[in-house]
Amino acid sequence: MEQEIHVSQLSETLSNGEYTLIDVREHDELVETGFIPGAIHHPMSTFDTAVDTLDKEATHLVICRAGGRSANVQQYMQGLGYKAINVAGGMDEYEGPVEHL
């Protein structure tokens, strides 16, 4: 399975409807910069309590501010048997539409 995509590929990747996008940034980061429409918010700080709510059969794209935290969450998910792909570049390099809380 592909381990990483660059954020510049995100819109095209999400357009086929086969992926779930998980934003693992903290709440204050979403308030400050917004979030990608349709993303599910599960902060890294509490991700261990949320992971069981995710579909183990789906493939999840994981995004954060720059790509480091999302890579850690991706590895954690894969260790539990989930299909996860890190979004490199993160929200720092994302140029598409955002929603605000």
PDB file of N, CA and C in Angstrom:
ATOM      1  N   MET A   1       0.847  -1.177   0.000  1.00  0.00           N
ATOM      2  CA  MET A   1       0.000   0.000   0.000  1.00  0.00           C
ATOM      3  C   MET A   1       0.895   1.243   0.000  1.00  0.00           C
ATOM      4  N   GLU A   2       0.433   2.248  -0.710  1.00  0.00           N
ATOM      5  CA  GLU A   2       1.140   3.518  -0.736  1.00  0.00           C
ATOM      6  C   GLU A   2       1.187   4.083   0.679  1.00  0.00           C
ATOM      7  N   GLN A   3       2.349   4.573   1.069  1.00  0.00           N
ATOM      8  CA  GLN A   3       2.527   5.063   2.430  1.00  0.00           C
ATOM      9  C   GLN A   3       2.296   6.558   2.576  1.00  0.00           C
ATOM     10  N   GLU A   4       2.418   7.306   1.450  1.00  0.00           N
ATOM     11  CA  GLU A   4       2.348   8.750   1.546  1.00  0.00           C
ATOM     12  C   GLU A   4       1.928   9.355   0.210  1.00  0.00           C
ATOM     13  N   ILE A   5       1.161  10.417   0.293  1.00  0.00           N
ATOM     14  CA  ILE A   5       0.886  11.241  -0.880  1.00  0.00           C
ATOM     15  C   ILE A   5       1.238  12.668  -0.497  1.00  0.00           C
ATOM     16  N   HIS A   6       1.493  13.506  -1.480  1.00  0.00           N
ATOM     17  CA  HIS A   6       1.733  14.915  -1.181  1.00  0.00           C
ATOM     18  C   HIS A   6       0.393  15.632  -1.177  1.00  0.00           C
ATOM     19  N   VAL A   7       0.281  16.662  -0.368  1.00  0.00           N
ATOM     20  CA  VAL A   7      -0.971  17.398  -0.233  1.00  0.00           C
ATOM     21  C   VAL A   7      -1.457  17.941  -1.582  1.00  0.00           C
ATOM     22  N   SER A   8      -0.552  18.173  -2.515  1.00  0.00           N
ATOM     23  CA  SER A   8      -0.955  18.659  -3.841  1.00  0.00           C
ATOM     24  C   SER A   8      -1.782  17.619  -4.598  1.00  0.00           C
ATOM     25  N   GLN A   9      -1.720  16.364  -4.191  1.00  0.00           N
ATOM     26  CA  GLN A   9      -2.497  15.286  -4.809  1.00  0.00           C
ATOM     27  C   GLN A   9      -3.814  15.026  -4.080  1.00  0.00           C
ATOM     28  N   LEU A  10      -4.061  15.743  -3.003  1.00  0.00           N
ATOM     29  CA  LEU A  10      -5.187  15.439  -2.122  1.00  0.00           C
ATOM     30  C   LEU A  10      -6.541  15.583  -2.806  1.00  0.00           C
ATOM     31  N   SER A  11      -6.782  16.690  -3.480  1.00  0.00           N
ATOM     32  CA  SER A  11      -8.089  16.908  -4.115  1.00  0.00           C
ATOM     33  C   SER A  11      -8.412  15.801  -5.099  1.00  0.00           C
ATOM     34  N   GLU A  12      -7.452  15.444  -5.920  1.00  0.00           N
ATOM     35  CA  GLU A  12      -7.659  14.380  -6.903  1.00  0.00           C
ATOM     36  C   GLU A  12      -7.897  13.037  -6.208  1.00  0.00           C
ATOM     37  N   THR A  13      -7.136  12.762  -5.172  1.00  0.00           N
ATOM     38  CA  THR A  13      -7.263  11.495  -4.446  1.00  0.00           C
ATOM     39  C   THR A  13      -8.628  11.388  -3.762  1.00  0.00           C
ATOM     40  N   LEU A  14      -9.092  12.474  -3.166  1.00  0.00           N
ATOM     41  CA  LEU A  14     -10.384  12.459  -2.474  1.00  0.00           C
ATOM     42  C   LEU A  14     -11.569  12.421  -3.430  1.00  0.00           C
ATOM     43  N   SER A  15     -11.372  12.859  -4.659  1.00  0.00           N
ATOM     44  CA  SER A  15     -12.491  12.978  -5.605  1.00  0.00           C
ATOM     45  C   SER A  15     -13.132  11.641  -5.959  1.00  0.00           C
ATOM     46  N   ASN A  16     -12.413  10.539  -5.796  1.00  0.00           N
ATOM     47  CA  ASN A  16     -13.011   9.250  -6.153  1.00  0.00           C
ATOM     48  C   ASN A  16     -13.878   8.662  -5.039  1.00  0.00           C
ATOM     49  N   GLY A  17     -13.883   9.292  -3.871  1.00  0.00           N
ATOM     50  CA  GLY A  17     -14.759   8.853  -2.785  1.00  0.00           C
ATOM     51  C   GLY A  17     -14.335   7.587  -2.075  1.00  0.00           C
ATOM     52  N   GLU A  18     -13.130   7.119  -2.315  1.00  0.00           N
ATOM     53  CA  GLU A  18     -12.674   5.870  -1.712  1.00  0.00           C
ATOM     54  C   GLU A  18     -11.935   6.060  -0.387  1.00  0.00           C
ATOM     55  N   TYR A  19     -11.697   7.300  -0.010  1.00  0.00           N
ATOM     56  CA  TYR A  19     -10.870   7.563   1.159  1.00  0.00           C
ATOM     57  C   TYR A  19     -11.600   8.412   2.190  1.00  0.00           C
ATOM     58  N   THR A  20     -11.199   8.249   3.434  1.00  0.00           N
ATOM     59  CA  THR A  20     -11.647   9.090   4.530  1.00  0.00           C
ATOM     60  C   THR A  20     -10.470   9.973   4.912  1.00  0.00           C
ATOM     61  N   LEU A  21     -10.698  11.263   5.085  1.00  0.00           N
ATOM     62  CA  LEU A  21      -9.642  12.182   5.491  1.00  0.00           C
ATOM     63  C   LEU A  21      -9.772  12.467   6.979  1.00  0.00           C
ATOM     64  N   ILE A  22      -8.696  12.230   7.715  1.00  0.00           N
ATOM     65  CA  ILE A  22      -8.672  12.455   9.156  1.00  0.00           C
ATOM     66  C   ILE A  22      -7.667  13.559   9.459  1.00  0.00           C
ATOM     67  N   ASP A  23      -8.135  14.613  10.107  1.00  0.00           N
ATOM     68  CA  ASP A  23      -7.284  15.732  10.511  1.00  0.00           C
ATOM     69  C   ASP A  23      -6.922  15.519  11.974  1.00  0.00           C
ATOM     70  N   VAL A  24      -5.622  15.376  12.261  1.00  0.00           N
ATOM     71  CA  VAL A  24      -5.188  15.061  13.623  1.00  0.00           C
ATOM     72  C   VAL A  24      -4.614  16.276  14.357  1.00  0.00           C
ATOM     73  N   ARG A  25      -4.823  17.473  13.797  1.00  0.00           N
ATOM     74  CA  ARG A  25      -4.383  18.685  14.496  1.00  0.00           C
ATOM     75  C   ARG A  25      -5.279  18.939  15.702  1.00  0.00           C
ATOM     76  N   GLU A  26      -4.793  19.764  16.607  1.00  0.00           N
ATOM     77  CA  GLU A  26      -5.560  20.095  17.802  1.00  0.00           C
ATOM     78  C   GLU A  26      -6.643  21.117  17.463  1.00  0.00           C
ATOM     79  N   HIS A  27      -7.645  21.214  18.319  1.00  0.00           N
ATOM     80  CA  HIS A  27      -8.803  22.074  18.084  1.00  0.00           C
ATOM     81  C   HIS A  27      -8.402  23.525  17.785  1.00  0.00           C
ATOM     82  N   ASP A  28      -7.468  24.078  18.559  1.00  0.00           N
ATOM     83  CA  ASP A  28      -7.078  25.475  18.347  1.00  0.00           C
ATOM     84  C   ASP A  28      -6.458  25.699  16.971  1.00  0.00           C
ATOM     85  N   GLU A  29      -5.813  24.688  16.417  1.00  0.00           N
ATOM     86  CA  GLU A  29      -5.248  24.807  15.074  1.00  0.00           C
ATOM     87  C   GLU A  29      -6.360  24.885  14.023  1.00  0.00           C
ATOM     88  N   LEU A  30      -7.429  24.133  14.207  1.00  0.00           N
ATOM     89  CA  LEU A  30      -8.558  24.196  13.287  1.00  0.00           C
ATOM     90  C   LEU A  30      -9.242  25.546  13.355  1.00  0.00           C
ATOM     91  N   VAL A  31      -9.365  26.086  14.552  1.00  0.00           N
ATOM     92  CA  VAL A  31      -9.973  27.403  14.722  1.00  0.00           C
ATOM     93  C   VAL A  31      -9.129  28.453  14.003  1.00  0.00           C
ATOM     94  N   GLU A  32      -7.826  28.340  14.128  1.00  0.00           N
ATOM     95  CA  GLU A  32      -6.913  29.334  13.564  1.00  0.00           C
ATOM     96  C   GLU A  32      -6.852  29.293  12.036  1.00  0.00           C
ATOM     97  N   THR A  33      -6.750  28.096  11.455  1.00  0.00           N
ATOM     98  CA  THR A  33      -6.500  28.003  10.007  1.00  0.00           C
ATOM     99  C   THR A  33      -7.614  27.343   9.217  1.00  0.00           C
ATOM    100  N   GLY A  34      -8.623  26.811   9.890  1.00  0.00           N
ATOM    101  CA  GLY A  34      -9.687  26.103   9.187  1.00  0.00           C
ATOM    102  C   GLY A  34      -9.312  24.661   8.905  1.00  0.00           C
ATOM    103  N   PHE A  35     -10.244  23.956   8.252  1.00  0.00           N
ATOM    104  CA  PHE A  35     -10.030  22.539   7.954  1.00  0.00           C
ATOM    105  C   PHE A  35     -10.610  22.233   6.580  1.00  0.00           C
ATOM    106  N   ILE A  36     -10.184  21.137   6.018  1.00  0.00           N
ATOM    107  CA  ILE A  36     -10.637  20.727   4.696  1.00  0.00           C
ATOM    108  C   ILE A  36     -12.070  20.207   4.803  1.00  0.00           C
ATOM    109  N   PRO A  37     -12.979  20.706   3.961  1.00  0.00           N
ATOM    110  CA  PRO A  37     -14.369  20.232   4.009  1.00  0.00           C
ATOM    111  C   PRO A  37     -14.443  18.701   3.901  1.00  0.00           C
ATOM    112  N   GLY A  38     -15.220  18.115   4.794  1.00  0.00           N
ATOM    113  CA  GLY A  38     -15.395  16.672   4.805  1.00  0.00           C
ATOM    114  C   GLY A  38     -14.412  15.919   5.683  1.00  0.00           C
ATOM    115  N   ALA A  39     -13.401  16.602   6.183  1.00  0.00           N
ATOM    116  CA  ALA A  39     -12.418  15.934   7.043  1.00  0.00           C
ATOM    117  C   ALA A  39     -13.045  15.583   8.382  1.00  0.00           C
ATOM    118  N   ILE A  40     -12.615  14.476   8.936  1.00  0.00           N
ATOM    119  CA  ILE A  40     -13.022  14.052  10.273  1.00  0.00           C
ATOM    120  C   ILE A  40     -11.935  14.529  11.227  1.00  0.00           C
ATOM    121  N   HIS A  41     -12.330  15.178  12.311  1.00  0.00           N
ATOM    122  CA  HIS A  41     -11.352  15.698  13.259  1.00  0.00           C
ATOM    123  C   HIS A  41     -11.188  14.738  14.424  1.00  0.00           C
ATOM    124  N   HIS A  42      -9.986  14.189  14.540  1.00  0.00           N
ATOM    125  CA  HIS A  42      -9.603  13.360  15.686  1.00  0.00           C
ATOM    126  C   HIS A  42      -8.216  13.814  16.104  1.00  0.00           C
ATOM    127  N   PRO A  43      -8.109  14.731  17.073  1.00  0.00           N
ATOM    128  CA  PRO A  43      -6.801  15.252  17.484  1.00  0.00           C
ATOM    129  C   PRO A  43      -5.843  14.130  17.898  1.00  0.00           C
ATOM    130  N   MET A  44      -4.581  14.316  17.572  1.00  0.00           N
ATOM    131  CA  MET A  44      -3.585  13.322  17.932  1.00  0.00           C
ATOM    132  C   MET A  44      -3.558  13.063  19.440  1.00  0.00           C
ATOM    133  N   SER A  45      -3.781  14.100  20.228  1.00  0.00           N
ATOM    134  CA  SER A  45      -3.705  13.966  21.687  1.00  0.00           C
ATOM    135  C   SER A  45      -4.747  13.005  22.257  1.00  0.00           C
ATOM    136  N   THR A  46      -5.834  12.777  21.531  1.00  0.00           N
ATOM    137  CA  THR A  46      -6.875  11.856  22.008  1.00  0.00           C
ATOM    138  C   THR A  46      -7.179  10.769  20.976  1.00  0.00           C
ATOM    139  N   PHE A  47      -6.288  10.597  20.017  1.00  0.00           N
ATOM    140  CA  PHE A  47      -6.565   9.685  18.914  1.00  0.00           C
ATOM    141  C   PHE A  47      -6.781   8.246  19.391  1.00  0.00           C
ATOM    142  N   ASP A  48      -6.066   7.834  20.403  1.00  0.00           N
ATOM    143  CA  ASP A  48      -6.198   6.452  20.878  1.00  0.00           C
ATOM    144  C   ASP A  48      -7.612   6.132  21.341  1.00  0.00           C
ATOM    145  N   THR A  49      -8.372   7.129  21.775  1.00  0.00           N
ATOM    146  CA  THR A  49      -9.751   6.874  22.190  1.00  0.00           C
ATOM    147  C   THR A  49     -10.725   6.935  21.012  1.00  0.00           C
ATOM    148  N   ALA A  50     -10.293   7.478  19.886  1.00  0.00           N
ATOM    149  CA  ALA A  50     -11.171   7.626  18.720  1.00  0.00           C
ATOM    150  C   ALA A  50     -10.946   6.564  17.653  1.00  0.00           C
ATOM    151  N   VAL A  51      -9.807   5.934  17.661  1.00  0.00           N
ATOM    152  CA  VAL A  51      -9.454   5.034  16.565  1.00  0.00           C
ATOM    153  C   VAL A  51     -10.475   3.909  16.386  1.00  0.00           C
ATOM    154  N   ASP A  52     -11.076   3.436  17.457  1.00  0.00           N
ATOM    155  CA  ASP A  52     -12.051   2.344  17.359  1.00  0.00           C
ATOM    156  C   ASP A  52     -13.325   2.744  16.630  1.00  0.00           C
ATOM    157  N   THR A  53     -13.561   4.039  16.447  1.00  0.00           N
ATOM    158  CA  THR A  53     -14.757   4.495  15.739  1.00  0.00           C
ATOM    159  C   THR A  53     -14.556   4.489  14.222  1.00  0.00           C
ATOM    160  N   LEU A  54     -13.330   4.252  13.777  1.00  0.00           N
ATOM    161  CA  LEU A  54     -13.017   4.284  12.348  1.00  0.00           C
ATOM    162  C   LEU A  54     -13.238   2.928  11.698  1.00  0.00           C
ATOM    163  N   ASP A  55     -13.615   2.953  10.442  1.00  0.00           N
ATOM    164  CA  ASP A  55     -13.852   1.747   9.658  1.00  0.00           C
ATOM    165  C   ASP A  55     -12.516   1.092   9.323  1.00  0.00           C
ATOM    166  N   LYS A  56     -12.332  -0.133   9.767  1.00  0.00           N
ATOM    167  CA  LYS A  56     -11.073  -0.835   9.535  1.00  0.00           C
ATOM    168  C   LYS A  56     -10.928  -1.281   8.080  1.00  0.00           C
ATOM    169  N   GLU A  57     -12.024  -1.317   7.347  1.00  0.00           N
ATOM    170  CA  GLU A  57     -11.975  -1.729   5.943  1.00  0.00           C
ATOM    171  C   GLU A  57     -11.669  -0.556   5.004  1.00  0.00           C
ATOM    172  N   ALA A  58     -11.876   0.674   5.475  1.00  0.00           N
ATOM    173  CA  ALA A  58     -11.641   1.865   4.653  1.00  0.00           C
ATOM    174  C   ALA A  58     -10.159   2.218   4.648  1.00  0.00           C
ATOM    175  N   THR A  59      -9.768   2.990   3.647  1.00  0.00           N
ATOM    176  CA  THR A  59      -8.418   3.545   3.620  1.00  0.00           C
ATOM    177  C   THR A  59      -8.511   4.995   4.066  1.00  0.00           C
ATOM    178  N   HIS A  60      -7.696   5.362   5.035  1.00  0.00           N
ATOM    179  CA  HIS A  60      -7.745   6.678   5.653  1.00  0.00           C
ATOM    180  C   HIS A  60      -6.529   7.502   5.251  1.00  0.00           C
ATOM    181  N   LEU A  61      -6.770   8.735   4.868  1.00  0.00           N
ATOM    182  CA  LEU A  61      -5.712   9.707   4.635  1.00  0.00           C
ATOM    183  C   LEU A  61      -5.578  10.514   5.913  1.00  0.00           C
ATOM    184  N   VAL A  62      -4.361  10.692   6.401  1.00  0.00           N
ATOM    185  CA  VAL A  62      -4.140  11.369   7.677  1.00  0.00           C
ATOM    186  C   VAL A  62      -3.344  12.643   7.429  1.00  0.00           C
ATOM    187  N   ILE A  63      -3.892  13.783   7.910  1.00  0.00           N
ATOM    188  CA  ILE A  63      -3.252  15.075   7.690  1.00  0.00           C
ATOM    189  C   ILE A  63      -3.079  15.828   9.000  1.00  0.00           C
ATOM    190  N   CYS A  64      -2.019  16.642   9.065  1.00  0.00           N
ATOM    191  CA  CYS A  64      -1.783  17.538  10.198  1.00  0.00           C
ATOM    192  C   CYS A  64      -1.254  18.854   9.638  1.00  0.00           C
ATOM    193  N   ARG A  65      -0.505  19.609  10.405  1.00  0.00           N
ATOM    194  CA  ARG A  65      -0.005  20.892   9.936  1.00  0.00           C
ATOM    195  C   ARG A  65       1.063  20.722   8.858  1.00  0.00           C
ATOM    196  N   ALA A  66       2.052  19.841   9.101  1.00  0.00           N
ATOM    197  CA  ALA A  66       3.166  19.705   8.160  1.00  0.00           C
ATOM    198  C   ALA A  66       3.425  18.273   7.690  1.00  0.00           C
ATOM    199  N   GLY A  67       2.945  17.295   8.412  1.00  0.00           N
ATOM    200  CA  GLY A  67       3.130  15.903   8.006  1.00  0.00           C
ATOM    201  C   GLY A  67       3.798  15.008   9.022  1.00  0.00           C
ATOM    202  N   GLY A  68       4.327  15.579  10.092  1.00  0.00           N
ATOM    203  CA  GLY A  68       5.004  14.773  11.113  1.00  0.00           C
ATOM    204  C   GLY A  68       4.058  14.025  12.024  1.00  0.00           C
ATOM    205  N   ARG A  69       3.106  14.735  12.607  1.00  0.00           N
ATOM    206  CA  ARG A  69       2.144  14.073  13.498  1.00  0.00           C
ATOM    207  C   ARG A  69       1.292  13.073  12.730  1.00  0.00           C
ATOM    208  N   SER A  70       0.917  13.439  11.516  1.00  0.00           N
ATOM    209  CA  SER A  70       0.091  12.523  10.725  1.00  0.00           C
ATOM    210  C   SER A  70       0.862  11.248  10.388  1.00  0.00           C
ATOM    211  N   ALA A  71       2.171  11.356  10.186  1.00  0.00           N
ATOM    212  CA  ALA A  71       2.982  10.156   9.940  1.00  0.00           C
ATOM    213  C   ALA A  71       2.992   9.256  11.178  1.00  0.00           C
ATOM    214  N   ASN A  72       3.070   9.865  12.364  1.00  0.00           N
ATOM    215  CA  ASN A  72       3.024   9.080  13.605  1.00  0.00           C
ATOM    216  C   ASN A  72       1.685   8.382  13.771  1.00  0.00           C
ATOM    217  N   VAL A  73       0.590   9.101  13.500  1.00  0.00           N
ATOM    218  CA  VAL A  73      -0.748   8.507  13.602  1.00  0.00           C
ATOM    219  C   VAL A  73      -0.914   7.412  12.551  1.00  0.00           C
ATOM    220  N   GLN A  74      -0.412   7.648  11.353  1.00  0.00           N
ATOM    221  CA  GLN A  74      -0.473   6.637  10.299  1.00  0.00           C
ATOM    222  C   GLN A  74       0.198   5.333  10.762  1.00  0.00           C
ATOM    223  N   GLN A  75       1.387   5.443  11.325  1.00  0.00           N
ATOM    224  CA  GLN A  75       2.104   4.252  11.802  1.00  0.00           C
ATOM    225  C   GLN A  75       1.328   3.559  12.926  1.00  0.00           C
ATOM    226  N   TYR A  76       0.753   4.343  13.820  1.00  0.00           N
ATOM    227  CA  TYR A  76      -0.057   3.796  14.907  1.00  0.00           C
ATOM    228  C   TYR A  76      -1.242   3.022  14.340  1.00  0.00           C
ATOM    229  N   MET A  77      -1.944   3.634  13.372  1.00  0.00           N
ATOM    230  CA  MET A  77      -3.101   2.989  12.758  1.00  0.00           C
ATOM    231  C   MET A  77      -2.701   1.697  12.056  1.00  0.00           C
ATOM    232  N   GLN A  78      -1.624   1.739  11.311  1.00  0.00           N
ATOM    233  CA  GLN A  78      -1.175   0.547  10.594  1.00  0.00           C
ATOM    234  C   GLN A  78      -0.813  -0.569  11.566  1.00  0.00           C
ATOM    235  N   GLY A  79      -0.247  -0.207  12.714  1.00  0.00           N
ATOM    236  CA  GLY A  79       0.071  -1.193  13.739  1.00  0.00           C
ATOM    237  C   GLY A  79      -1.164  -1.879  14.296  1.00  0.00           C
ATOM    238  N   LEU A  80      -2.313  -1.189  14.207  1.00  0.00           N
ATOM    239  CA  LEU A  80      -3.581  -1.760  14.670  1.00  0.00           C
ATOM    240  C   LEU A  80      -4.353  -2.444  13.545  1.00  0.00           C
ATOM    241  N   GLY A  81      -3.778  -2.471  12.353  1.00  0.00           N
ATOM    242  CA  GLY A  81      -4.424  -3.149  11.237  1.00  0.00           C
ATOM    243  C   GLY A  81      -5.266  -2.268  10.335  1.00  0.00           C
ATOM    244  N   TYR A  82      -5.192  -0.949  10.499  1.00  0.00           N
ATOM    245  CA  TYR A  82      -5.920  -0.018   9.638  1.00  0.00           C
ATOM    246  C   TYR A  82      -5.092   0.303   8.401  1.00  0.00           C
ATOM    247  N   LYS A  83      -5.786   0.683   7.333  1.00  0.00           N
ATOM    248  CA  LYS A  83      -5.124   1.147   6.116  1.00  0.00           C
ATOM    249  C   LYS A  83      -5.028   2.665   6.216  1.00  0.00           C
ATOM    250  N   ALA A  84      -3.804   3.190   6.239  1.00  0.00           N
ATOM    251  CA  ALA A  84      -3.614   4.625   6.425  1.00  0.00           C
ATOM    252  C   ALA A  84      -2.490   5.142   5.538  1.00  0.00           C
ATOM    253  N   ILE A  85      -2.704   6.343   5.008  1.00  0.00           N
ATOM    254  CA  ILE A  85      -1.734   7.005   4.142  1.00  0.00           C
ATOM    255  C   ILE A  85      -1.478   8.396   4.715  1.00  0.00           C
ATOM    256  N   ASN A  86      -0.213   8.742   4.871  1.00  0.00           N
ATOM    257  CA  ASN A  86       0.156  10.067   5.365  1.00  0.00           C
ATOM    258  C   ASN A  86       0.043  11.100   4.248  1.00  0.00           C
ATOM    259  N   VAL A  87      -0.431  12.305   4.597  1.00  0.00           N
ATOM    260  CA  VAL A  87      -0.494  13.414   3.643  1.00  0.00           C
ATOM    261  C   VAL A  87       0.690  14.340   3.938  1.00  0.00           C
ATOM    262  N   ALA A  88       1.762  14.209   3.145  1.00  0.00           N
ATOM    263  CA  ALA A  88       2.973  15.013   3.324  1.00  0.00           C
ATOM    264  C   ALA A  88       2.704  16.460   2.927  1.00  0.00           C
ATOM    265  N   GLY A  89       3.331  17.372   3.623  1.00  0.00           N
ATOM    266  CA  GLY A  89       3.138  18.796   3.357  1.00  0.00           C
ATOM    267  C   GLY A  89       2.056  19.394   4.227  1.00  0.00           C
ATOM    268  N   GLY A  90       1.039  18.600   4.541  1.00  0.00           N
ATOM    269  CA  GLY A  90      -0.020  19.001   5.454  1.00  0.00           C
ATOM    270  C   GLY A  90      -0.704  20.305   5.102  1.00  0.00           C
ATOM    271  N   MET A  91      -1.353  20.871   6.091  1.00  0.00           N
ATOM    272  CA  MET A  91      -2.120  22.095   5.896  1.00  0.00           C
ATOM    273  C   MET A  91      -1.229  23.291   5.575  1.00  0.00           C
ATOM    274  N   ASP A  92       0.054  23.228   5.955  1.00  0.00           N
ATOM    275  CA  ASP A  92       0.973  24.316   5.613  1.00  0.00           C
ATOM    276  C   ASP A  92       1.075  24.516   4.105  1.00  0.00           C
ATOM    277  N   GLU A  93       0.950  23.423   3.346  1.00  0.00           N
ATOM    278  CA  GLU A  93       1.089  23.502   1.890  1.00  0.00           C
ATOM    279  C   GLU A  93      -0.227  23.328   1.145  1.00  0.00           C
ATOM    280  N   TYR A  94      -1.304  23.117   1.861  1.00  0.00           N
ATOM    281  CA  TYR A  94      -2.617  22.943   1.239  1.00  0.00           C
ATOM    282  C   TYR A  94      -3.116  24.263   0.664  1.00  0.00           C
ATOM    283  N   GLU A  95      -3.611  24.222  -0.577  1.00  0.00           N
ATOM    284  CA  GLU A  95      -4.064  25.441  -1.241  1.00  0.00           C
ATOM    285  C   GLU A  95      -5.530  25.416  -1.630  1.00  0.00           C
ATOM    286  N   GLY A  96      -6.269  24.413  -1.182  1.00  0.00           N
ATOM    287  CA  GLY A  96      -7.673  24.294  -1.545  1.00  0.00           C
ATOM    288  C   GLY A  96      -8.599  24.998  -0.566  1.00  0.00           C
ATOM    289  N   PRO A  97      -9.908  24.759  -0.720  1.00  0.00           N
ATOM    290  CA  PRO A  97     -10.905  25.401   0.142  1.00  0.00           C
ATOM    291  C   PRO A  97     -10.828  24.875   1.574  1.00  0.00           C
ATOM    292  N   VAL A  98     -11.183  25.744   2.511  1.00  0.00           N
ATOM    293  CA  VAL A  98     -11.250  25.357   3.916  1.00  0.00           C
ATOM    294  C   VAL A  98     -12.561  25.853   4.515  1.00  0.00           C
ATOM    295  N   GLU A  99     -12.989  25.201   5.572  1.00  0.00           N
ATOM    296  CA  GLU A  99     -14.123  25.631   6.370  1.00  0.00           C
ATOM    297  C   GLU A  99     -13.581  26.084   7.714  1.00  0.00           C
ATOM    298  N   HIS A 100     -14.337  26.943   8.390  1.00  0.00           N
ATOM    299  CA  HIS A 100     -13.907  27.431   9.704  1.00  0.00           C
ATOM    300  C   HIS A 100     -14.942  27.058  10.753  1.00  0.00           C
ATOM    301  N   LEU A 101     -14.462  26.795  11.949  1.00  0.00           N
ATOM    302  CA  LEU A 101     -15.335  26.459  13.074  1.00  0.00           C
ATOM    303  C   LEU A 101     -16.091  27.691  13.525  1.00  0.00           C
TER     304      LEU A 101
END
